Amino acid sequence: MDNKAIGLRIREEREKLKLSRDEFAEIIELSEYYVGQLERGERQMSLPTLVNIANTLHISLDYLVLGKTEHNNYYVHYENNIYETSACDIDKEINNLLNKCSPKELALIKKLVQTILPYIKNE
């Protein structure tokens, strides 16, 4: 992962929401110093932290990690599906579940998602 590019995207998206670094850090329950390190690309973050940041900034993980620009369509995808739950609600539920997982459990979940996702996309 390119930590500097991820950090730059975090900063840009935070600023679009007109959040100070201190306000953002409080929302995601991290220190302002740590958020600064993330934005400068000086630190790596855990998967739950990455998910929490993406959810808070209302962007997809694809955009945050890879810089794919189709993140603006993120919510439209959910609105056009049969799900009655909003994308924010789904993101929060997933984030809450992931935050309760150990690193070993997260690794297993990652493998499961990587295995299942191609089949889901073909439906």
Foldseek 3Di string as FASTA:
>chain_A
DQQQQLLCVLVVLCVVVVHDLCRLCVQLVHHSVVNVCSNRSNDDDDPLSLLSSCLVSQFDSCCSPVVDPPRVCVQVVVVPDPDPDGPSVVSVVVSVVVVPDDPVVVVVVVVVCVVCVVVVVVD
